[in-house]
Amino acid sequence: MLIVPLNYKLAIFDFDGTLADSAGWVSHVINAVARRHGFRELSDAEIEMLRGRSSREIIRYMQVPAWKLPAIAADMRRRMAADADSIPLFEGIVAMLRSVKRAGVAVAIVSSNSEANVRRILGPDAVAAVDTFECGAGLFGKAHKFRKVMKRLGVAPPETICIGDETRDIEAAAAVGAASGAALWGYATTKVLAQLKPTLTFATPADITRMVRRDG
């Protein structure tokens, strides 16, 4: 992989599937949530198959009405709060966040998860590297949260990269005029992410660390 400097003033990270290795936990609880909220339960094979679908296709396949999404998200946040101590970060995440921060790049986390859950799973060393959080349910989607973070930190879209493991992360970055970074270690497959033509791809968190070290 060609390593080039990470020349941005702000890096916005998704949390679940990008920083936190929560896919196993989601697979464990998803059918209990499905039974509670009345949407389609999934087999292990279906969960694996959906990795190759976009975020909208996943919701459609699971037969989740849009009006149920806020309640489902709130239920998932409550369940994660109860299990937070069992959800690990991906290897190298703390070192990566600290390297980005030391390179003079502001760090933000945008997530539909609660800020309390995010902080607890990250732990104090990683939290210390984060400049701002924009977490919780939102009516206007991830692009709106990206805009809020950029405005709060005074960074323009061309100076921002949004890094995540799902198609909606890349789509939201494009919608606000920011660069996008595809985290290939997360939930969505490399193929489905590549179809959206992210600005950069990262095979591991260490790729991001190497980029900022080369820049500094």
N, C-alpha and C. Protein backbone atom coordinates (compact mmCIF):
# COMPACT_ATOMS: atom_id res chain seq x y z
N MET A 1 0.84 -1.20 0.00
CA MET A 1 0.00 0.00 0.00
C MET A 1 0.87 1.24 0.00
N LEU A 2 0.54 2.22 -0.86
CA LEU A 2 1.28 3.46 -0.91
C LEU A 2 0.92 4.31 0.31
N ILE A 3 1.93 4.74 1.06
CA ILE A 3 1.69 5.56 2.24
C ILE A 3 1.98 7.02 1.87
N VAL A 4 0.97 7.86 2.02
CA VAL A 4 1.12 9.29 1.75
C VAL A 4 0.77 10.07 3.00
N PRO A 5 1.27 11.31 3.14
CA PRO A 5 0.95 12.08 4.34
C PRO A 5 -0.55 12.33 4.49
N LEU A 6 -1.01 12.36 5.73
CA LEU A 6 -2.41 12.64 6.03
C LEU A 6 -2.54 14.15 6.25
N ASN A 7 -2.72 14.89 5.17
CA ASN A 7 -2.67 16.35 5.22
C ASN A 7 -4.06 16.94 5.46
N TYR A 8 -4.60 16.74 6.64
CA TYR A 8 -5.88 17.31 7.02
C TYR A 8 -5.75 17.96 8.39
N LYS A 9 -6.66 18.90 8.67
CA LYS A 9 -6.66 19.57 9.97
C LYS A 9 -7.62 18.90 10.96
N LEU A 10 -8.54 18.09 10.43
CA LEU A 10 -9.55 17.43 11.26
C LEU A 10 -9.81 16.03 10.74
N ALA A 11 -9.79 15.05 11.65
CA ALA A 11 -10.18 13.67 11.33
C ALA A 11 -11.41 13.33 12.17
N ILE A 12 -12.51 13.03 11.49
CA ILE A 12 -13.74 12.63 12.17
C ILE A 12 -13.88 11.12 12.04
N PHE A 13 -13.99 10.46 13.17
CA PHE A 13 -14.08 9.00 13.18
C PHE A 13 -15.47 8.53 13.55
N ASP A 14 -15.96 7.53 12.83
CA ASP A 14 -17.09 6.72 13.27
C ASP A 14 -16.61 5.92 14.48
N PHE A 15 -17.55 5.38 15.25
CA PHE A 15 -17.14 4.64 16.45
C PHE A 15 -17.34 3.13 16.29
N ASP A 16 -18.58 2.67 16.24
CA ASP A 16 -18.84 1.23 16.18
C ASP A 16 -18.39 0.66 14.85
N GLY A 17 -17.51 -0.33 14.89
CA GLY A 17 -16.98 -0.95 13.69
C GLY A 17 -15.75 -0.27 13.14
N THR A 18 -15.44 0.93 13.65
CA THR A 18 -14.25 1.65 13.21
C THR A 18 -13.23 1.74 14.35
N LEU A 19 -13.67 2.19 15.50
CA LEU A 19 -12.80 2.22 16.68
C LEU A 19 -13.10 1.04 17.59
N ALA A 20 -14.37 0.75 17.80
CA ALA A 20 -14.78 -0.35 18.68
C ALA A 20 -15.12 -1.59 17.85
N ASP A 21 -14.61 -2.72 18.29
CA ASP A 21 -14.86 -4.00 17.62
C ASP A 21 -16.17 -4.57 18.15
N SER A 22 -17.27 -3.96 17.73
CA SER A 22 -18.58 -4.28 18.30
C SER A 22 -19.43 -5.19 17.42
N ALA A 23 -18.89 -5.64 16.28
CA ALA A 23 -19.69 -6.46 15.36
C ALA A 23 -20.14 -7.77 16.02
N GLY A 24 -19.25 -8.39 16.79
CA GLY A 24 -19.63 -9.63 17.47
C GLY A 24 -20.74 -9.41 18.46
N TRP A 25 -20.67 -8.30 19.17
CA TRP A 25 -21.72 -7.97 20.14
C TRP A 25 -23.05 -7.73 19.42
N VAL A 26 -23.02 -6.99 18.32
CA VAL A 26 -24.24 -6.73 17.56
C VAL A 26 -24.86 -8.04 17.07
N SER A 27 -24.03 -8.94 16.56
CA SER A 27 -24.53 -10.23 16.08
C SER A 27 -25.19 -11.02 17.20
N HIS A 28 -24.66 -10.85 18.42
CA HIS A 28 -25.19 -11.59 19.57
C HIS A 28 -26.56 -11.07 20.01
N VAL A 29 -26.78 -9.76 19.90
CA VAL A 29 -28.02 -9.18 20.43
C VAL A 29 -29.07 -8.88 19.38
N ILE A 30 -28.70 -8.90 18.09
CA ILE A 30 -29.59 -8.37 17.07
C ILE A 30 -30.94 -9.08 17.01
N ASN A 31 -30.97 -10.39 17.21
CA ASN A 31 -32.24 -11.09 17.09
C ASN A 31 -33.15 -10.84 18.28
N ALA A 32 -32.57 -10.63 19.45
CA ALA A 32 -33.39 -10.23 20.61
C ALA A 32 -34.02 -8.87 20.36
N VAL A 33 -33.26 -7.96 19.77
CA VAL A 33 -33.79 -6.64 19.42
C VAL A 33 -34.86 -6.78 18.34
N ALA A 34 -34.63 -7.67 17.37
CA ALA A 34 -35.61 -7.89 16.31
C ALA A 34 -36.94 -8.38 16.87
N ARG A 35 -36.87 -9.32 17.81
CA ARG A 35 -38.10 -9.84 18.40
C ARG A 35 -38.83 -8.74 19.19
N ARG A 36 -38.09 -7.91 19.86
CA ARG A 36 -38.69 -6.85 20.67
C ARG A 36 -39.38 -5.80 19.79
N HIS A 37 -38.77 -5.50 18.65
CA HIS A 37 -39.28 -4.39 17.83
C HIS A 37 -39.98 -4.85 16.56
N GLY A 38 -40.06 -6.15 16.35
CA GLY A 38 -40.86 -6.66 15.25
C GLY A 38 -40.26 -6.49 13.88
N PHE A 39 -38.96 -6.78 13.75
CA PHE A 39 -38.39 -6.81 12.41
C PHE A 39 -37.71 -8.15 12.19
N ARG A 40 -37.16 -8.35 11.04
CA ARG A 40 -36.68 -9.66 10.59
C ARG A 40 -35.47 -10.13 11.39
N GLU A 41 -35.55 -11.37 11.91
CA GLU A 41 -34.38 -11.98 12.55
C GLU A 41 -33.42 -12.48 11.48
N LEU A 42 -32.14 -12.59 11.86
CA LEU A 42 -31.10 -12.94 10.89
C LEU A 42 -30.33 -14.18 11.31
N SER A 43 -30.01 -15.01 10.34
CA SER A 43 -29.11 -16.14 10.58
C SER A 43 -27.68 -15.64 10.50
N ASP A 44 -26.73 -16.45 10.94
CA ASP A 44 -25.32 -16.09 10.83
C ASP A 44 -24.93 -15.86 9.37
N ALA A 45 -25.48 -16.68 8.48
CA ALA A 45 -25.17 -16.54 7.05
C ALA A 45 -25.70 -15.22 6.51
N GLU A 46 -26.87 -14.81 6.95
CA GLU A 46 -27.44 -13.54 6.50
C GLU A 46 -26.63 -12.36 7.02
N ILE A 47 -26.19 -12.43 8.27
CA ILE A 47 -25.36 -11.36 8.83
C ILE A 47 -24.10 -11.19 8.00
N GLU A 48 -23.47 -12.29 7.62
CA GLU A 48 -22.27 -12.23 6.80
C GLU A 48 -22.59 -11.70 5.40
N MET A 49 -23.69 -12.13 4.83
CA MET A 49 -24.09 -11.67 3.50
C MET A 49 -24.33 -10.16 3.48
N LEU A 50 -24.89 -9.62 4.54
CA LEU A 50 -25.23 -8.20 4.58
C LEU A 50 -24.00 -7.30 4.66
N ARG A 51 -22.84 -7.87 4.95
CA ARG A 51 -21.62 -7.07 4.94
C ARG A 51 -21.35 -6.51 3.55
N GLY A 52 -21.89 -7.15 2.53
CA GLY A 52 -21.69 -6.70 1.16
C GLY A 52 -22.79 -5.78 0.65
N ARG A 53 -23.64 -5.30 1.53
CA ARG A 53 -24.73 -4.42 1.15
C ARG A 53 -24.52 -3.01 1.72
N SER A 54 -25.17 -2.04 1.11
CA SER A 54 -25.13 -0.68 1.64
C SER A 54 -25.99 -0.58 2.89
N SER A 55 -25.83 0.52 3.63
CA SER A 55 -26.61 0.71 4.85
C SER A 55 -28.11 0.70 4.56
N ARG A 56 -28.52 1.36 3.47
CA ARG A 56 -29.95 1.38 3.12
C ARG A 56 -30.45 -0.01 2.76
N GLU A 57 -29.64 -0.77 2.05
CA GLU A 57 -30.04 -2.12 1.68
C GLU A 57 -30.18 -3.02 2.90
N ILE A 58 -29.32 -2.84 3.88
CA ILE A 58 -29.40 -3.64 5.11
C ILE A 58 -30.71 -3.37 5.83
N ILE A 59 -31.06 -2.10 5.97
CA ILE A 59 -32.31 -1.74 6.65
C ILE A 59 -33.51 -2.30 5.89
N ARG A 60 -33.45 -2.22 4.56
CA ARG A 60 -34.55 -2.73 3.74
C ARG A 60 -34.67 -4.25 3.88
N TYR A 61 -33.54 -4.94 3.85
CA TYR A 61 -33.55 -6.40 3.96
C TYR A 61 -34.13 -6.85 5.30
N MET A 62 -33.80 -6.10 6.36
CA MET A 62 -34.27 -6.46 7.69
C MET A 62 -35.72 -6.04 7.94
N GLN A 63 -36.30 -5.37 6.95
CA GLN A 63 -37.72 -4.96 7.00
C GLN A 63 -37.99 -4.07 8.22
N VAL A 64 -37.12 -3.05 8.36
CA VAL A 64 -37.27 -2.12 9.47
C VAL A 64 -37.92 -0.84 8.95
N PRO A 65 -39.14 -0.51 9.39
CA PRO A 65 -39.75 0.76 9.00
C PRO A 65 -38.94 1.93 9.56
N ALA A 66 -38.84 3.01 8.80
CA ALA A 66 -38.04 4.16 9.23
C ALA A 66 -38.50 4.70 10.57
N TRP A 67 -39.81 4.64 10.84
CA TRP A 67 -40.31 5.24 12.09
C TRP A 67 -39.87 4.46 13.32
N LYS A 68 -39.42 3.21 13.12
CA LYS A 68 -38.96 2.41 14.26
C LYS A 68 -37.47 2.62 14.58
N LEU A 69 -36.73 3.24 13.68
CA LEU A 69 -35.28 3.34 13.85
C LEU A 69 -34.87 4.06 15.14
N PRO A 70 -35.49 5.18 15.52
CA PRO A 70 -35.06 5.83 16.78
C PRO A 70 -35.22 4.93 18.01
N ALA A 71 -36.33 4.20 18.09
CA ALA A 71 -36.55 3.32 19.24
C ALA A 71 -35.57 2.15 19.24
N ILE A 72 -35.28 1.62 18.06
CA ILE A 72 -34.31 0.52 17.94
C ILE A 72 -32.93 1.01 18.36
N ALA A 73 -32.54 2.20 17.89
CA ALA A 73 -31.23 2.75 18.25
C ALA A 73 -31.12 2.97 19.75
N ALA A 74 -32.20 3.47 20.36
CA ALA A 74 -32.19 3.70 21.81
C ALA A 74 -32.05 2.39 22.57
N ASP A 75 -32.74 1.35 22.09
CA ASP A 75 -32.63 0.04 22.73
C ASP A 75 -31.21 -0.50 22.61
N MET A 76 -30.60 -0.35 21.44
CA MET A 76 -29.22 -0.81 21.25
C MET A 76 -28.27 -0.06 22.18
N ARG A 77 -28.47 1.23 22.34
CA ARG A 77 -27.60 2.00 23.24
C ARG A 77 -27.73 1.52 24.68
N ARG A 78 -28.95 1.23 25.11
CA ARG A 78 -29.15 0.74 26.47
C ARG A 78 -28.46 -0.61 26.67
N ARG A 79 -28.61 -1.49 25.70
CA ARG A 79 -28.00 -2.81 25.81
C ARG A 79 -26.47 -2.70 25.80
N MET A 80 -25.94 -1.80 24.97
CA MET A 80 -24.50 -1.63 24.94
C MET A 80 -23.97 -1.05 26.25
N ALA A 81 -24.72 -0.16 26.86
CA ALA A 81 -24.30 0.39 28.14
C ALA A 81 -24.14 -0.72 29.18
N ALA A 82 -25.03 -1.71 29.13
CA ALA A 82 -24.95 -2.82 30.07
C ALA A 82 -23.77 -3.74 29.79
N ASP A 83 -23.35 -3.80 28.52
CA ASP A 83 -22.29 -4.73 28.12
C ASP A 83 -20.98 -4.03 27.76
N ALA A 84 -20.87 -2.74 28.04
CA ALA A 84 -19.75 -1.94 27.55
C ALA A 84 -18.39 -2.52 27.93
N ASP A 85 -18.29 -3.09 29.10
CA ASP A 85 -16.99 -3.59 29.56
C ASP A 85 -16.51 -4.80 28.75
N SER A 86 -17.40 -5.42 28.00
CA SER A 86 -17.01 -6.60 27.21
C SER A 86 -16.74 -6.27 25.75
N ILE A 87 -16.84 -5.00 25.37
CA ILE A 87 -16.63 -4.60 23.97
C ILE A 87 -15.26 -3.98 23.84
N PRO A 88 -14.36 -4.60 23.06
CA PRO A 88 -12.99 -4.10 22.95
C PRO A 88 -12.83 -3.08 21.83
N LEU A 89 -11.74 -2.35 21.89
CA LEU A 89 -11.31 -1.55 20.76
C LEU A 89 -10.52 -2.44 19.81
N PHE A 90 -10.47 -2.07 18.54
CA PHE A 90 -9.59 -2.76 17.62
C PHE A 90 -8.13 -2.52 18.03
N GLU A 91 -7.28 -3.47 17.72
CA GLU A 91 -5.86 -3.34 18.05
C GLU A 91 -5.27 -2.10 17.38
N GLY A 92 -4.55 -1.32 18.16
CA GLY A 92 -3.85 -0.16 17.63
C GLY A 92 -4.64 1.13 17.63
N ILE A 93 -5.89 1.10 18.11
CA ILE A 93 -6.73 2.30 18.06
C ILE A 93 -6.20 3.41 18.97
N VAL A 94 -5.83 3.08 20.19
CA VAL A 94 -5.36 4.12 21.11
C VAL A 94 -4.10 4.79 20.57
N ALA A 95 -3.14 3.98 20.11
CA ALA A 95 -1.91 4.54 19.55
C ALA A 95 -2.20 5.39 18.32
N MET A 96 -3.15 4.94 17.49
CA MET A 96 -3.49 5.70 16.29
C MET A 96 -4.08 7.05 16.63
N LEU A 97 -5.05 7.08 17.54
CA LEU A 97 -5.68 8.35 17.92
C LEU A 97 -4.65 9.31 18.52
N ARG A 98 -3.78 8.78 19.33
CA ARG A 98 -2.76 9.64 19.95
C ARG A 98 -1.77 10.16 18.91
N SER A 99 -1.46 9.35 17.91
CA SER A 99 -0.56 9.80 16.84
C SER A 99 -1.19 10.90 16.00
N VAL A 100 -2.48 10.74 15.70
CA VAL A 100 -3.18 11.77 14.94
C VAL A 100 -3.18 13.08 15.71
N LYS A 101 -3.48 12.99 16.99
CA LYS A 101 -3.50 14.19 17.84
C LYS A 101 -2.12 14.85 17.91
N ARG A 102 -1.08 14.04 18.10
CA ARG A 102 0.28 14.60 18.19
C ARG A 102 0.71 15.27 16.89
N ALA A 103 0.16 14.82 15.77
CA ALA A 103 0.51 15.40 14.48
C ALA A 103 -0.17 16.74 14.24
N GLY A 104 -0.98 17.19 15.19
CA GLY A 104 -1.65 18.47 15.06
C GLY A 104 -2.98 18.41 14.33
N VAL A 105 -3.51 17.19 14.16
CA VAL A 105 -4.81 17.00 13.53
C VAL A 105 -5.86 16.88 14.63
N ALA A 106 -6.90 17.72 14.57
CA ALA A 106 -7.99 17.62 15.55
C ALA A 106 -8.73 16.29 15.35
N VAL A 107 -9.19 15.72 16.45
CA VAL A 107 -9.86 14.42 16.42
C VAL A 107 -11.29 14.57 16.94
N ALA A 108 -12.25 14.06 16.17
CA ALA A 108 -13.65 14.07 16.59
C ALA A 108 -14.23 12.68 16.40
N ILE A 109 -15.22 12.36 17.22
CA ILE A 109 -15.95 11.10 17.06
C ILE A 109 -17.42 11.43 16.86
N VAL A 110 -17.99 10.88 15.78
CA VAL A 110 -19.40 11.05 15.46
C VAL A 110 -20.04 9.68 15.48
N SER A 111 -21.12 9.54 16.27
CA SER A 111 -21.73 8.22 16.42
C SER A 111 -23.19 8.36 16.84
N SER A 112 -24.00 7.39 16.43
CA SER A 112 -25.37 7.33 16.94
C SER A 112 -25.40 6.70 18.32
N ASN A 113 -24.29 6.13 18.74
CA ASN A 113 -24.16 5.61 20.10
C ASN A 113 -24.15 6.77 21.08
N SER A 114 -24.34 6.50 22.34
CA SER A 114 -24.33 7.57 23.33
C SER A 114 -22.89 7.97 23.65
N GLU A 115 -22.70 9.23 24.02
CA GLU A 115 -21.36 9.67 24.38
C GLU A 115 -20.84 8.91 25.60
N ALA A 116 -21.73 8.58 26.53
CA ALA A 116 -21.31 7.83 27.72
C ALA A 116 -20.76 6.46 27.33
N ASN A 117 -21.44 5.76 26.40
CA ASN A 117 -20.94 4.47 25.93
C ASN A 117 -19.60 4.62 25.23
N VAL A 118 -19.51 5.61 24.36
CA VAL A 118 -18.28 5.82 23.59
C VAL A 118 -17.10 6.08 24.53
N ARG A 119 -17.29 6.97 25.48
CA ARG A 119 -16.21 7.30 26.42
C ARG A 119 -15.81 6.08 27.25
N ARG A 120 -16.80 5.31 27.68
CA ARG A 120 -16.50 4.16 28.54
C ARG A 120 -15.71 3.10 27.79
N ILE A 121 -16.09 2.83 26.55
CA ILE A 121 -15.41 1.80 25.77
C ILE A 121 -14.03 2.27 25.34
N LEU A 122 -13.91 3.55 25.00
CA LEU A 122 -12.61 4.08 24.60
C LEU A 122 -11.59 4.01 25.73
N GLY A 123 -12.00 4.37 26.93
CA GLY A 123 -11.06 4.42 28.05
C GLY A 123 -10.35 5.77 28.09
N PRO A 124 -9.76 6.11 29.23
CA PRO A 124 -9.21 7.46 29.42
C PRO A 124 -8.07 7.83 28.48
N ASP A 125 -7.21 6.88 28.12
CA ASP A 125 -6.08 7.22 27.24
C ASP A 125 -6.56 7.65 25.86
N ALA A 126 -7.55 6.96 25.31
CA ALA A 126 -8.08 7.32 24.00
C ALA A 126 -8.93 8.58 24.08
N VAL A 127 -9.73 8.71 25.13
CA VAL A 127 -10.58 9.90 25.29
C VAL A 127 -9.73 11.17 25.34
N ALA A 128 -8.55 11.07 25.93
CA ALA A 128 -7.67 12.24 26.05
C ALA A 128 -7.21 12.75 24.68
N ALA A 129 -7.29 11.91 23.66
CA ALA A 129 -6.87 12.32 22.31
C ALA A 129 -8.00 12.90 21.49
N VAL A 130 -9.21 12.92 22.03
CA VAL A 130 -10.39 13.36 21.28
C VAL A 130 -10.73 14.81 21.64
N ASP A 131 -10.89 15.65 20.62
CA ASP A 131 -11.22 17.05 20.84
C ASP A 131 -12.71 17.27 21.06
N THR A 132 -13.55 16.50 20.38
CA THR A 132 -14.98 16.71 20.54
C THR A 132 -15.74 15.44 20.15
N PHE A 133 -16.91 15.29 20.76
CA PHE A 133 -17.81 14.17 20.47
C PHE A 133 -19.13 14.74 19.94
N GLU A 134 -19.71 14.07 18.96
CA GLU A 134 -21.06 14.38 18.50
C GLU A 134 -21.81 13.06 18.42
N CYS A 135 -22.51 12.73 19.50
CA CYS A 135 -23.06 11.39 19.66
C CYS A 135 -24.56 11.45 19.92
N GLY A 136 -25.18 10.28 19.83
CA GLY A 136 -26.60 10.14 20.12
C GLY A 136 -27.45 10.19 18.87
N ALA A 137 -28.75 9.95 19.08
CA ALA A 137 -29.69 9.93 17.97
C ALA A 137 -29.80 11.31 17.36
N GLY A 138 -29.99 11.35 16.04
CA GLY A 138 -30.16 12.62 15.34
C GLY A 138 -31.21 12.48 14.26
N LEU A 139 -32.00 13.52 14.04
CA LEU A 139 -33.05 13.48 13.05
C LEU A 139 -32.54 13.71 11.63
N PHE A 140 -31.34 14.27 11.50
CA PHE A 140 -30.89 14.73 10.19
C PHE A 140 -29.71 13.94 9.63
N GLY A 141 -29.34 12.86 10.28
CA GLY A 141 -28.33 11.98 9.72
C GLY A 141 -26.90 12.41 10.02
N LYS A 142 -25.97 11.61 9.51
CA LYS A 142 -24.56 11.77 9.83
C LYS A 142 -23.96 13.02 9.20
N ALA A 143 -24.41 13.38 8.00
CA ALA A 143 -23.87 14.57 7.35
C ALA A 143 -24.10 15.81 8.21
N HIS A 144 -25.27 15.89 8.82
CA HIS A 144 -25.57 17.03 9.70
C HIS A 144 -24.61 17.07 10.88
N LYS A 145 -24.29 15.90 11.43
CA LYS A 145 -23.34 15.84 12.54
C LYS A 145 -21.94 16.25 12.09
N PHE A 146 -21.54 15.83 10.90
CA PHE A 146 -20.23 16.24 10.37
C PHE A 146 -20.16 17.77 10.27
N ARG A 147 -21.23 18.38 9.75
CA ARG A 147 -21.25 19.84 9.63
C ARG A 147 -21.14 20.52 11.00
N LYS A 148 -21.83 19.98 11.98
CA LYS A 148 -21.78 20.56 13.32
C LYS A 148 -20.36 20.51 13.88
N VAL A 149 -19.68 19.39 13.69
CA VAL A 149 -18.32 19.24 14.21
C VAL A 149 -17.37 20.21 13.51
N MET A 150 -17.46 20.30 12.19
CA MET A 150 -16.58 21.20 11.46
C MET A 150 -16.81 22.65 11.87
N LYS A 151 -18.05 23.04 12.04
CA LYS A 151 -18.36 24.40 12.48
C LYS A 151 -17.83 24.65 13.89
N ARG A 152 -18.02 23.68 14.77
CA ARG A 152 -17.58 23.83 16.17
C ARG A 152 -16.07 24.02 16.24
N LEU A 153 -15.33 23.28 15.42
CA LEU A 153 -13.87 23.35 15.48
C LEU A 153 -13.27 24.34 14.49
N GLY A 154 -14.12 24.95 13.68
CA GLY A 154 -13.64 25.96 12.74
C GLY A 154 -12.78 25.41 11.63
N VAL A 155 -13.13 24.23 11.14
CA VAL A 155 -12.35 23.58 10.07
C VAL A 155 -13.24 23.43 8.83
N ALA A 156 -12.71 23.79 7.68
CA ALA A 156 -13.48 23.72 6.44
C ALA A 156 -13.56 22.28 5.92
N PRO A 157 -14.59 21.94 5.14
CA PRO A 157 -14.72 20.58 4.60
C PRO A 157 -13.49 20.07 3.86
N PRO A 158 -12.84 20.88 2.98
CA PRO A 158 -11.67 20.34 2.28
C PRO A 158 -10.49 20.00 3.19
N GLU A 159 -10.52 20.50 4.43
CA GLU A 159 -9.46 20.23 5.40
C GLU A 159 -9.83 19.08 6.35
N THR A 160 -10.92 18.39 6.03
CA THR A 160 -11.48 17.36 6.91
C THR A 160 -11.52 16.01 6.22
N ILE A 161 -11.19 14.96 6.96
CA ILE A 161 -11.40 13.60 6.47
C ILE A 161 -12.29 12.86 7.47
N CYS A 162 -13.28 12.14 6.93
CA CYS A 162 -14.24 11.39 7.74
C CYS A 162 -13.95 9.90 7.53
N ILE A 163 -13.63 9.20 8.61
CA ILE A 163 -13.16 7.82 8.52
C ILE A 163 -14.19 6.89 9.15
N GLY A 164 -14.66 5.91 8.38
CA GLY A 164 -15.63 4.97 8.90
C GLY A 164 -15.64 3.67 8.13
N ASP A 165 -16.42 2.71 8.64
CA ASP A 165 -16.42 1.36 8.07
C ASP A 165 -17.69 1.03 7.31
N GLU A 166 -18.62 2.00 7.17
CA GLU A 166 -19.88 1.73 6.50
C GLU A 166 -20.06 2.66 5.31
N THR A 167 -20.95 2.26 4.40
CA THR A 167 -21.21 3.08 3.22
C THR A 167 -21.74 4.45 3.60
N ARG A 168 -22.54 4.54 4.64
CA ARG A 168 -23.12 5.84 5.01
C ARG A 168 -22.05 6.82 5.46
N ASP A 169 -20.91 6.33 5.97
CA ASP A 169 -19.82 7.23 6.36
C ASP A 169 -19.23 7.91 5.13
N ILE A 170 -19.02 7.15 4.07
CA ILE A 170 -18.45 7.70 2.84
C ILE A 170 -19.45 8.62 2.16
N GLU A 171 -20.72 8.21 2.16
CA GLU A 171 -21.76 9.03 1.54
C GLU A 171 -21.92 10.36 2.27
N ALA A 172 -21.89 10.33 3.59
CA ALA A 172 -22.05 11.57 4.37
C ALA A 172 -20.87 12.50 4.16
N ALA A 173 -19.66 11.95 4.07
CA ALA A 173 -18.48 12.78 3.80
C ALA A 173 -18.62 13.48 2.46
N ALA A 174 -19.05 12.75 1.45
CA ALA A 174 -19.24 13.34 0.13
C ALA A 174 -20.30 14.43 0.17
N ALA A 175 -21.35 14.22 0.95
CA ALA A 175 -22.45 15.18 1.02
C ALA A 175 -22.02 16.52 1.61
N VAL A 176 -21.01 16.51 2.48
CA VAL A 176 -20.57 17.76 3.11
C VAL A 176 -19.31 18.32 2.45
N GLY A 177 -18.79 17.63 1.43
CA GLY A 177 -17.61 18.11 0.74
C GLY A 177 -16.30 17.80 1.41
N ALA A 178 -16.30 16.82 2.33
CA ALA A 178 -15.08 16.40 3.02
C ALA A 178 -14.49 15.18 2.33
N ALA A 179 -13.23 14.91 2.64
CA ALA A 179 -12.61 13.67 2.18
C ALA A 179 -13.17 12.50 2.98
N SER A 180 -13.04 11.31 2.43
CA SER A 180 -13.51 10.11 3.13
C SER A 180 -12.39 9.09 3.24
N GLY A 181 -12.39 8.38 4.35
CA GLY A 181 -11.44 7.30 4.57
C GLY A 181 -12.19 6.02 4.90
N ALA A 182 -12.01 4.98 4.10
CA ALA A 182 -12.69 3.71 4.33
C ALA A 182 -11.86 2.84 5.26
N ALA A 183 -12.43 2.48 6.40
CA ALA A 183 -11.78 1.59 7.36
C ALA A 183 -12.11 0.15 6.99
N LEU A 184 -11.16 -0.54 6.37
CA LEU A 184 -11.43 -1.85 5.80
C LEU A 184 -11.49 -2.97 6.84
N TRP A 185 -11.16 -2.65 8.09
CA TRP A 185 -11.19 -3.69 9.13
C TRP A 185 -12.57 -3.81 9.78
N GLY A 186 -13.53 -2.97 9.37
CA GLY A 186 -14.84 -2.95 10.01
C GLY A 186 -15.84 -3.88 9.37
N TYR A 187 -17.13 -3.47 9.40
CA TYR A 187 -18.22 -4.36 9.03
C TYR A 187 -18.37 -4.52 7.52
N ALA A 188 -18.46 -3.43 6.77
CA ALA A 188 -18.71 -3.53 5.34
C ALA A 188 -17.51 -4.13 4.62
N THR A 189 -17.77 -4.82 3.52
CA THR A 189 -16.69 -5.44 2.76
C THR A 189 -15.91 -4.39 1.98
N THR A 190 -14.68 -4.75 1.63
CA THR A 190 -13.84 -3.87 0.82
C THR A 190 -14.54 -3.55 -0.50
N LYS A 191 -15.20 -4.53 -1.10
CA LYS A 191 -15.85 -4.33 -2.39
C LYS A 191 -16.95 -3.28 -2.32
N VAL A 192 -17.81 -3.36 -1.31
CA VAL A 192 -18.92 -2.42 -1.25
C VAL A 192 -18.43 -1.01 -0.93
N LEU A 193 -17.37 -0.90 -0.12
CA LEU A 193 -16.81 0.41 0.17
C LEU A 193 -16.12 1.00 -1.06
N ALA A 194 -15.40 0.16 -1.80
CA ALA A 194 -14.68 0.64 -2.99
C ALA A 194 -15.63 1.19 -4.04
N GLN A 195 -16.83 0.65 -4.11
CA GLN A 195 -17.81 1.12 -5.10
C GLN A 195 -18.15 2.60 -4.91
N LEU A 196 -17.98 3.11 -3.68
CA LEU A 196 -18.30 4.51 -3.40
C LEU A 196 -17.10 5.42 -3.59
N LYS A 197 -15.96 4.85 -3.97
CA LYS A 197 -14.75 5.63 -4.29
C LYS A 197 -14.32 6.56 -3.15
N PRO A 198 -13.99 5.99 -1.99
CA PRO A 198 -13.49 6.82 -0.90
C PRO A 198 -12.18 7.50 -1.29
N THR A 199 -11.89 8.62 -0.65
CA THR A 199 -10.65 9.35 -0.95
C THR A 199 -9.43 8.50 -0.63
N LEU A 200 -9.46 7.84 0.53
CA LEU A 200 -8.38 6.98 0.97
C LEU A 200 -8.96 5.69 1.55
N THR A 201 -8.16 4.63 1.53
CA THR A 201 -8.55 3.39 2.20
C THR A 201 -7.46 3.02 3.19
N PHE A 202 -7.88 2.46 4.31
CA PHE A 202 -6.96 2.06 5.36
C PHE A 202 -7.22 0.59 5.69
N ALA A 203 -6.22 -0.25 5.51
CA ALA A 203 -6.39 -1.67 5.79
C ALA A 203 -6.40 -1.96 7.28
N THR A 204 -5.65 -1.17 8.05
CA THR A 204 -5.56 -1.34 9.50
C THR A 204 -5.44 0.04 10.13
N PRO A 205 -5.73 0.16 11.44
CA PRO A 205 -5.49 1.44 12.12
C PRO A 205 -4.03 1.89 12.01
N ALA A 206 -3.13 0.95 11.94
CA ALA A 206 -1.70 1.29 11.84
C ALA A 206 -1.39 2.05 10.56
N ASP A 207 -2.19 1.86 9.50
CA ASP A 207 -1.98 2.62 8.27
C ASP A 207 -2.15 4.12 8.52
N ILE A 208 -3.13 4.47 9.35
CA ILE A 208 -3.36 5.87 9.68
C ILE A 208 -2.19 6.40 10.51
N THR A 209 -1.73 5.61 11.46
CA THR A 209 -0.58 5.99 12.28
C THR A 209 0.64 6.25 11.42
N ARG A 210 0.89 5.37 10.44
CA ARG A 210 2.06 5.54 9.57
C ARG A 210 1.95 6.80 8.74
N MET A 211 0.76 7.13 8.30
CA MET A 211 0.57 8.32 7.50
C MET A 211 0.89 9.59 8.28
N VAL A 212 0.35 9.70 9.49
CA VAL A 212 0.59 10.92 10.25
C VAL A 212 2.04 11.00 10.71
N ARG A 213 2.67 9.87 10.99
CA ARG A 213 4.09 9.90 11.38
C ARG A 213 4.94 10.36 10.22
N ARG A 214 4.61 9.91 9.02
CA ARG A 214 5.37 10.34 7.84
C ARG A 214 5.18 11.84 7.60
N ASP A 215 3.96 12.31 7.88
CA ASP A 215 3.68 13.74 7.71
C ASP A 215 4.43 14.57 8.73
N GLY A 216 4.63 14.03 9.94
CA GLY A 216 5.26 14.78 11.02
C GLY A 216 6.73 14.56 11.10
